[in-house]
Structures are given as structure tokens and as C-alpha cells.
Amino acid sequence: MSTPRVISDVALDNSFQGDTIQTCIVSRDIHRTMAGMVKLGIGPWRLYEFGPETVSDMTYMGRPARYKMKLALAFSGNMMWEIIESVTGPNIYEDFLRDHGEGIHHVAQGCNNLPYAERVAAYKARGLQLIQSGTWAGRVPYAYFASDGLISTTIEIFDIPADFVMPEPLEWYPARP
């Protein structure tokens, strides 16, 4: 068992959530948002397209789905940043843009490295509905849970195998490092 962290005189116990490992912004213009993030010092960005060609087992609101999105990834220290632009839907990104406009859509939680199936079960046991999911590149499962009614954002989990090598992106922005 790990020792709780202490801030000032308050001990922080490790919760089920563990570390926040990603913050995602949903945008109507991924290139504009990447440019803004680069000005903030976050980048370079890897740009991918997720859709039926690259993602299997896609679901939306409990049913099979065929959405597409542009997705960009960059790191700032240990934090993974993500920007998503919906290409076709329906999907949770189009829902968010319609209801809230652009902005922070979700955070991804590490769940103290629990196996992926146990993470999914833990969220469902807490009464959270799985609202979108899939498996990228045949190896990286992801799932979003409808936690926005509890905390004003959505929670994502994913599982990147230790031996997974990121595919070559469609584009680097502003340039390959």
C-alpha cells in the first residue's frame, strides 16, 4: 500500500481514479486549436484520423457506430493533450459542440493501472453509463462514461499496451520534432 501524499497538513489518499493522464479539447477547427496550443508551448502535435478504417468495435450510446474524427496528440510533461474535431457522427463530440460549444470535453483517468476490463466494471458499478467506445489500431481500447451530470465533464479510460508503438501520423504540426 502506498503512503498518502500530503499537501500542507491534509493527507490525500489515493483514490480509484489515480492520475489524470489526458485532457481533451473539442474543436470545430483542429488546426486553429493546435496553433493556439503551440503558442501556449504545447506541441508538436501528431494528427490522426479515427474512423471505421482505424477503429474497431465502435459504439455510440450503446449501439454500433461509424463516426469519424480528426484527433491530435501532444505532451506537456507527463500530461497527454488531445484535440478532437468531429468529421462525421453521430458521436459525443458533436453532442458536446451542439450543447456547449468548443472547450474541454473530457479528462482521461489512469485508474491506478487497473486492468481495462476492471476499469470499465468499476465505472459501471458506480452507475455511470458507457456512452462511446472503440479499439484503435487493434490494440488500444477506449471508453467514455457519462459523468458530465456529476462533474460537468466526461471521463475517458484507455489502455495503451507497454509495447505499443504510435503509428506514423497523417501530419505533424507545426513540424516533426
C-alpha atoms as a PDB file:
ATOM      1  CA  MET A   1       0.000   0.000   0.000  1.00  0.00           C
ATOM      2  CA  SER A   2       1.331   3.405  -0.916  1.00  0.00           C
ATOM      3  CA  THR A   3       1.788   6.244   1.513  1.00  0.00           C
ATOM      4  CA  PRO A   4      -0.766   9.047   1.107  1.00  0.00           C
ATOM      5  CA  ARG A   5       0.603  12.303  -0.318  1.00  0.00           C
ATOM      6  CA  VAL A   6       0.438  15.321   1.978  1.00  0.00           C
ATOM      7  CA  ILE A   7      -0.323  18.895   0.972  1.00  0.00           C
ATOM      8  CA  SER A   8       0.138  21.246   3.899  1.00  0.00           C
ATOM      9  CA  ASP A   9      -1.482  19.364   6.776  1.00  0.00           C
ATOM     10  CA  VAL A  10      -4.050  17.464   4.669  1.00  0.00           C
ATOM     11  CA  ALA A  11      -3.292  13.864   3.671  1.00  0.00           C
ATOM     12  CA  LEU A  12      -4.510  12.885   0.218  1.00  0.00           C
ATOM     13  CA  ASP A  13      -5.442   9.235  -0.043  1.00  0.00           C
ATOM     14  CA  ASN A  14      -5.004   7.576  -3.402  1.00  0.00           C
ATOM     15  CA  SER A  15      -8.442   7.157  -4.938  1.00  0.00           C
ATOM     16  CA  PHE A  16      -9.714   4.717  -7.508  1.00  0.00           C
ATOM     17  CA  GLN A  17      -9.180   7.379 -10.186  1.00  0.00           C
ATOM     18  CA  GLY A  18      -5.428   7.595  -9.813  1.00  0.00           C
ATOM     19  CA  ASP A  19      -3.639  10.065 -12.059  1.00  0.00           C
ATOM     20  CA  THR A  20      -5.302  12.233 -14.659  1.00  0.00           C
ATOM     21  CA  ILE A  21      -3.389  11.265 -17.798  1.00  0.00           C
ATOM     22  CA  GLN A  22      -5.074  13.302 -20.523  1.00  0.00           C
ATOM     23  CA  THR A  23      -7.069  16.472 -21.112  1.00  0.00           C
ATOM     24  CA  CYS A  24      -9.069  16.808 -24.335  1.00  0.00           C
ATOM     25  CA  ILE A  25     -10.395  19.875 -26.123  1.00  0.00           C
ATOM     26  CA  VAL A  26     -13.143  19.506 -28.727  1.00  0.00           C
ATOM     27  CA  SER A  27     -12.797  21.975 -31.584  1.00  0.00           C
ATOM     28  CA  ARG A  28     -14.561  22.856 -34.811  1.00  0.00           C
ATOM     29  CA  ASP A  29     -11.140  23.614 -36.356  1.00  0.00           C
ATOM     30  CA  ILE A  30      -8.347  21.317 -35.188  1.00  0.00           C
ATOM     31  CA  HIS A  31      -5.601  23.271 -36.980  1.00  0.00           C
ATOM     32  CA  ARG A  32      -6.649  26.567 -35.350  1.00  0.00           C
ATOM     33  CA  THR A  33      -6.665  24.901 -31.936  1.00  0.00           C
ATOM     34  CA  MET A  34      -3.294  23.197 -32.500  1.00  0.00           C
ATOM     35  CA  ALA A  35      -1.843  26.596 -33.480  1.00  0.00           C
ATOM     36  CA  GLY A  36      -3.200  28.116 -30.272  1.00  0.00           C
ATOM     37  CA  MET A  37      -1.775  25.302 -28.159  1.00  0.00           C
ATOM     38  CA  VAL A  38       1.635  25.682 -29.830  1.00  0.00           C
ATOM     39  CA  LYS A  39       1.563  29.384 -28.847  1.00  0.00           C
ATOM     40  CA  LEU A  40       0.950  28.178 -25.274  1.00  0.00           C
ATOM     41  CA  GLY A  41       4.032  25.962 -25.557  1.00  0.00           C
ATOM     42  CA  ILE A  42       2.300  22.600 -26.088  1.00  0.00           C
ATOM     43  CA  GLY A  43       3.385  20.607 -29.114  1.00  0.00           C
ATOM     44  CA  PRO A  44       4.417  19.317 -31.583  1.00  0.00           C
ATOM     45  CA  TRP A  45       1.153  17.608 -32.457  1.00  0.00           C
ATOM     46  CA  ARG A  46       0.572  14.235 -34.115  1.00  0.00           C
ATOM     47  CA  LEU A  47      -2.593  14.323 -36.256  1.00  0.00           C
ATOM     48  CA  TYR A  48      -4.594  11.137 -36.895  1.00  0.00           C
ATOM     49  CA  GLU A  49      -7.988  10.275 -38.334  1.00  0.00           C
ATOM     50  CA  PHE A  50     -10.074   7.846 -36.320  1.00  0.00           C
ATOM     51  CA  GLY A  51     -12.927   6.048 -38.063  1.00  0.00           C
ATOM     52  CA  PRO A  52     -14.074   2.598 -39.169  1.00  0.00           C
ATOM     53  CA  GLU A  53     -10.808   2.136 -41.090  1.00  0.00           C
ATOM     54  CA  THR A  54      -8.656   2.554 -37.961  1.00  0.00           C
ATOM     55  CA  VAL A  55     -11.024   1.822 -35.063  1.00  0.00           C
ATOM     56  CA  SER A  56     -12.892  -1.446 -34.458  1.00  0.00           C
ATOM     57  CA  ASP A  57     -15.849  -2.173 -32.149  1.00  0.00           C
ATOM     58  CA  MET A  58     -17.073   1.437 -32.345  1.00  0.00           C
ATOM     59  CA  THR A  59     -20.125   2.236 -30.224  1.00  0.00           C
ATOM     60  CA  TYR A  60     -22.175   5.343 -29.513  1.00  0.00           C
ATOM     61  CA  MET A  61     -24.903   5.340 -26.863  1.00  0.00           C
ATOM     62  CA  GLY A  62     -24.815   1.556 -26.555  1.00  0.00           C
ATOM     63  CA  ARG A  63     -25.133   0.796 -30.266  1.00  0.00           C
ATOM     64  CA  PRO A  64     -22.665   0.036 -33.070  1.00  0.00           C
ATOM     65  CA  ALA A  65     -21.478   3.257 -34.717  1.00  0.00           C
ATOM     66  CA  ARG A  66     -19.408   4.546 -37.650  1.00  0.00           C
ATOM     67  CA  TYR A  67     -18.282   8.023 -36.581  1.00  0.00           C
ATOM     68  CA  LYS A  68     -15.106   9.743 -37.792  1.00  0.00           C
ATOM     69  CA  MET A  69     -12.924  12.303 -36.111  1.00  0.00           C
ATOM     70  CA  LYS A  70      -9.622  14.069 -36.506  1.00  0.00           C
ATOM     71  CA  LEU A  71      -7.532  13.592 -33.396  1.00  0.00           C
ATOM     72  CA  ALA A  72      -4.298  15.339 -32.430  1.00  0.00           C
ATOM     73  CA  LEU A  73      -1.973  14.336 -29.583  1.00  0.00           C
ATOM     74  CA  ALA A  74       0.869  16.178 -27.833  1.00  0.00           C
ATOM     75  CA  PHE A  75       2.603  16.053 -24.475  1.00  0.00           C
ATOM     76  CA  SER A  76       3.412  18.649 -21.853  1.00  0.00           C
ATOM     77  CA  GLY A  77       5.479  16.918 -19.190  1.00  0.00           C
ATOM     78  CA  ASN A  78       3.559  13.783 -18.199  1.00  0.00           C
ATOM     79  CA  MET A  79       0.221  15.143 -19.425  1.00  0.00           C
ATOM     80  CA  MET A  80      -1.129  13.970 -22.768  1.00  0.00           C
ATOM     81  CA  TRP A  81      -3.149  16.664 -24.517  1.00  0.00           C
ATOM     82  CA  GLU A  82      -5.718  15.777 -27.151  1.00  0.00           C
ATOM     83  CA  ILE A  83      -7.739  17.843 -29.610  1.00  0.00           C
ATOM     84  CA  ILE A  84     -10.697  16.292 -31.424  1.00  0.00           C
ATOM     85  CA  GLU A  85     -12.653  17.601 -34.400  1.00  0.00           C
ATOM     86  CA  SER A  86     -15.713  15.599 -35.408  1.00  0.00           C
ATOM     87  CA  VAL A  87     -15.805  14.677 -39.101  1.00  0.00           C
ATOM     88  CA  THR A  88     -19.000  12.580 -39.195  1.00  0.00           C
ATOM     89  CA  GLY A  89     -21.334  11.396 -36.494  1.00  0.00           C
ATOM     90  CA  PRO A  90     -23.345  10.978 -34.505  1.00  0.00           C
ATOM     91  CA  ASN A  91     -20.791  10.991 -31.702  1.00  0.00           C
ATOM     92  CA  ILE A  92     -20.218  12.549 -28.288  1.00  0.00           C
ATOM     93  CA  TYR A  93     -18.061  15.332 -29.760  1.00  0.00           C
ATOM     94  CA  GLU A  94     -20.894  16.595 -31.979  1.00  0.00           C
ATOM     95  CA  ASP A  95     -23.206  16.392 -28.955  1.00  0.00           C
ATOM     96  CA  PHE A  96     -20.775  18.495 -26.917  1.00  0.00           C
ATOM     97  CA  LEU A  97     -20.311  21.118 -29.644  1.00  0.00           C
ATOM     98  CA  ARG A  98     -24.087  21.443 -30.024  1.00  0.00           C
ATOM     99  CA  ASP A  99     -24.734  21.708 -26.289  1.00  0.00           C
ATOM    100  CA  HIS A 100     -21.660  23.627 -25.067  1.00  0.00           C
ATOM    101  CA  GLY A 101     -19.544  24.877 -27.968  1.00  0.00           C
ATOM    102  CA  GLU A 102     -15.802  24.322 -28.104  1.00  0.00           C
ATOM    103  CA  GLY A 103     -13.797  23.581 -24.979  1.00  0.00           C
ATOM    104  CA  ILE A 104     -12.554  20.933 -22.592  1.00  0.00           C
ATOM    105  CA  HIS A 105     -14.615  17.846 -23.298  1.00  0.00           C
ATOM    106  CA  HIS A 106     -13.074  15.119 -21.174  1.00  0.00           C
ATOM    107  CA  VAL A 107     -10.243  14.004 -18.968  1.00  0.00           C
ATOM    108  CA  ALA A 108      -8.764  10.531 -19.037  1.00  0.00           C
ATOM    109  CA  GLN A 109      -8.027   8.758 -15.791  1.00  0.00           C
ATOM    110  CA  GLY A 110      -5.338   6.162 -15.115  1.00  0.00           C
ATOM    111  CA  CYS A 111      -7.419   4.282 -12.515  1.00  0.00           C
ATOM    112  CA  ASN A 112      -4.268   3.238 -10.650  1.00  0.00           C
ATOM    113  CA  ASN A 113      -3.318   0.920 -13.540  1.00  0.00           C
ATOM    114  CA  LEU A 114      -6.239  -1.456 -13.034  1.00  0.00           C
ATOM    115  CA  PRO A 115      -6.730  -3.796 -15.985  1.00  0.00           C
ATOM    116  CA  TYR A 116      -9.008  -2.233 -18.607  1.00  0.00           C
ATOM    117  CA  ALA A 117     -11.972  -4.603 -18.015  1.00  0.00           C
ATOM    118  CA  GLU A 118     -11.845  -3.846 -14.273  1.00  0.00           C
ATOM    119  CA  ARG A 119     -11.883  -0.100 -15.006  1.00  0.00           C
ATOM    120  CA  VAL A 120     -14.983  -0.479 -17.177  1.00  0.00           C
ATOM    121  CA  ALA A 121     -16.667  -2.603 -14.499  1.00  0.00           C
ATOM    122  CA  ALA A 122     -15.768  -0.101 -11.757  1.00  0.00           C
ATOM    123  CA  TYR A 123     -17.400   2.802 -13.629  1.00  0.00           C
ATOM    124  CA  LYS A 124     -20.499   0.756 -14.408  1.00  0.00           C
ATOM    125  CA  ALA A 125     -20.689  -0.317 -10.731  1.00  0.00           C
ATOM    126  CA  ARG A 126     -20.763   3.402  -9.841  1.00  0.00           C
ATOM    127  CA  GLY A 127     -23.803   3.800 -12.092  1.00  0.00           C
ATOM    128  CA  LEU A 128     -22.016   5.559 -14.963  1.00  0.00           C
ATOM    129  CA  GLN A 129     -23.243   4.869 -18.486  1.00  0.00           C
ATOM    130  CA  LEU A 130     -20.718   3.928 -21.178  1.00  0.00           C
ATOM    131  CA  ILE A 131     -21.541   6.412 -23.971  1.00  0.00           C
ATOM    132  CA  GLN A 132     -18.869   5.782 -26.624  1.00  0.00           C
ATOM    133  CA  SER A 133     -16.091   3.250 -27.152  1.00  0.00           C
ATOM    134  CA  GLY A 134     -13.832   1.519 -29.633  1.00  0.00           C
ATOM    135  CA  THR A 135     -10.425  -0.051 -30.153  1.00  0.00           C
ATOM    136  CA  TRP A 136      -7.812   1.957 -32.051  1.00  0.00           C
ATOM    137  CA  ALA A 137      -5.190   0.230 -34.209  1.00  0.00           C
ATOM    138  CA  GLY A 138      -6.438  -3.153 -32.993  1.00  0.00           C
ATOM    139  CA  ARG A 139      -4.715  -2.681 -29.621  1.00  0.00           C
ATOM    140  CA  VAL A 140      -5.851   0.422 -27.741  1.00  0.00           C
ATOM    141  CA  PRO A 141      -9.362   0.153 -26.272  1.00  0.00           C
ATOM    142  CA  TYR A 142     -11.056   3.351 -25.085  1.00  0.00           C
ATOM    143  CA  ALA A 143     -14.338   4.132 -23.361  1.00  0.00           C
ATOM    144  CA  TYR A 144     -16.148   7.309 -22.340  1.00  0.00           C
ATOM    145  CA  PHE A 145     -18.530   7.484 -19.402  1.00  0.00           C
ATOM    146  CA  ALA A 146     -21.374   9.979 -18.905  1.00  0.00           C
ATOM    147  CA  SER A 147     -20.036  11.723 -15.837  1.00  0.00           C
ATOM    148  CA  ASP A 148     -20.878  15.232 -17.039  1.00  0.00           C
ATOM    149  CA  GLY A 149     -24.007  15.291 -14.871  1.00  0.00           C
ATOM    150  CA  LEU A 150     -21.793  14.717 -11.820  1.00  0.00           C
ATOM    151  CA  ILE A 151     -18.744  16.848 -12.562  1.00  0.00           C
ATOM    152  CA  SER A 152     -19.503  18.918 -15.706  1.00  0.00           C
ATOM    153  CA  THR A 153     -17.159  16.878 -17.913  1.00  0.00           C
ATOM    154  CA  THR A 154     -16.847  13.374 -19.328  1.00  0.00           C
ATOM    155  CA  ILE A 155     -14.397  10.719 -18.126  1.00  0.00           C
ATOM    156  CA  GLU A 156     -12.408   8.561 -20.543  1.00  0.00           C
ATOM    157  CA  ILE A 157     -10.323   5.481 -19.930  1.00  0.00           C
ATOM    158  CA  PHE A 158      -7.988   3.775 -22.367  1.00  0.00           C
ATOM    159  CA  ASP A 159      -5.326   1.103 -22.264  1.00  0.00           C
ATOM    160  CA  ILE A 160      -2.097   1.551 -24.236  1.00  0.00           C
ATOM    161  CA  PRO A 161      -0.068  -1.682 -24.125  1.00  0.00           C
ATOM    162  CA  ALA A 162       3.538  -1.238 -22.964  1.00  0.00           C
ATOM    163  CA  ASP A 163       4.867  -2.482 -26.323  1.00  0.00           C
ATOM    164  CA  PHE A 164       2.549  -0.289 -28.436  1.00  0.00           C
ATOM    165  CA  VAL A 165       4.318   1.914 -30.969  1.00  0.00           C
ATOM    166  CA  MET A 166       2.426   5.011 -32.075  1.00  0.00           C
ATOM    167  CA  PRO A 167       1.583   4.792 -35.783  1.00  0.00           C
ATOM    168  CA  GLU A 168       3.064   7.411 -38.067  1.00  0.00           C
ATOM    169  CA  PRO A 169       0.649  10.364 -38.025  1.00  0.00           C
ATOM    170  CA  LEU A 170      -1.007  11.817 -41.113  1.00  0.00           C
ATOM    171  CA  GLU A 171       0.677  15.089 -40.213  1.00  0.00           C
ATOM    172  CA  TRP A 172       2.973  16.681 -37.637  1.00  0.00           C
ATOM    173  CA  TYR A 173       2.065  20.200 -36.514  1.00  0.00           C
ATOM    174  CA  PRO A 174       3.832  22.567 -36.691  1.00  0.00           C
ATOM    175  CA  ALA A 175       6.613  20.181 -37.810  1.00  0.00           C
ATOM    176  CA  ARG A 176       8.162  16.818 -36.989  1.00  0.00           C
ATOM    177  CA  PRO A 177      10.354  17.131 -33.867  1.00  0.00           C
END
